[in-house]
Amino acid sequence: MAKIIDCYICGKKNLTRNEIGLNKKLIGNEVKKFHCLQCLADYLEVSVEELEERITEFKDAGCSLFE
């Protein structure tokens, strides 16, 4: 059974595998507090669209953190 992870900033419930994977890729594999896409974009000062492009790039590269 997969652990349910919520955004620690806004409280969005049950983050997706892609949101969790992006946190691990961009913040670090040992990250303890996870952000949803919007809060991660705000934290990194980029757009949600840029993060979605990065997810696509990581998926296309075969990264197993993404679905």
Protein backbone atom coordinates (compact mmCIF):
# COMPACT_ATOMS: atom_id res chain seq x y z
CA MET A 1 0.00 0.00 0.00
CA ALA A 2 1.40 3.38 -1.02
CA LYS A 3 1.82 6.06 1.61
CA ILE A 4 -0.44 9.08 1.12
CA ILE A 5 1.53 12.32 1.05
CA ASP A 6 -0.03 15.78 1.32
CA CYS A 7 1.44 19.18 0.43
CA TYR A 8 2.91 20.65 3.57
CA ILE A 9 2.28 24.24 2.38
CA CYS A 10 -1.34 24.28 1.16
CA GLY A 11 -2.49 20.90 2.44
CA LYS A 12 -3.47 19.48 -0.98
CA LYS A 13 -4.38 15.87 -0.29
CA ASN A 14 -2.78 12.80 -1.86
CA LEU A 15 -0.01 14.16 -4.10
CA THR A 16 0.53 12.33 -7.39
CA ARG A 17 3.53 10.16 -8.11
CA ASN A 18 4.74 12.86 -10.53
CA GLU A 19 4.53 15.56 -7.85
CA ILE A 20 6.43 13.37 -5.38
CA GLY A 21 9.02 12.43 -8.01
CA LEU A 22 9.58 16.06 -8.98
CA ASN A 23 10.16 17.02 -5.36
CA LYS A 24 12.77 14.26 -5.08
CA LYS A 25 14.48 15.26 -8.35
CA LEU A 26 14.56 19.02 -7.73
CA ILE A 27 14.91 19.29 -3.95
CA GLY A 28 16.68 16.04 -3.14
CA ASN A 29 15.94 12.36 -2.70
CA GLU A 30 15.87 12.73 1.09
CA VAL A 31 13.13 15.38 1.03
CA LYS A 32 10.77 15.07 4.01
CA LYS A 33 8.24 17.84 3.26
CA PHE A 34 6.58 17.63 -0.15
CA HIS A 35 5.02 20.40 -2.26
CA CYS A 36 2.17 20.17 -4.76
CA LEU A 37 3.00 21.51 -8.25
CA GLN A 38 1.71 25.02 -7.51
CA CYS A 39 3.56 25.35 -4.19
CA LEU A 40 6.73 23.86 -5.71
CA ALA A 41 6.52 26.38 -8.57
CA ASP A 42 6.16 29.21 -6.05
CA TYR A 43 9.06 27.86 -3.96
CA LEU A 44 11.36 27.54 -6.99
CA GLU A 45 10.07 30.78 -8.59
CA VAL A 46 9.07 29.10 -11.85
CA SER A 47 5.73 28.42 -13.54
CA VAL A 48 3.67 25.28 -13.18
CA GLU A 49 4.02 24.85 -16.95
CA GLU A 50 7.82 24.76 -16.61
CA LEU A 51 7.53 22.05 -13.97
CA GLU A 52 5.17 20.05 -16.17
CA GLU A 53 7.73 20.28 -18.99
CA ARG A 54 10.41 18.96 -16.63
CA ILE A 55 8.17 16.04 -15.67
CA THR A 56 7.78 15.19 -19.36
CA GLU A 57 11.56 15.42 -19.87
CA PHE A 58 12.25 13.12 -16.92
CA LYS A 59 9.60 10.63 -18.08
CA ASP A 60 10.99 10.64 -21.63
CA ALA A 61 14.46 10.02 -20.20
CA GLY A 62 13.10 6.91 -18.46
CA CYS A 63 13.27 8.13 -14.87
CA SER A 64 11.43 5.63 -12.67
CA LEU A 65 10.20 8.33 -10.26
CA PHE A 66 7.51 9.35 -12.76
CA GLU A 67 4.48 7.58 -14.21
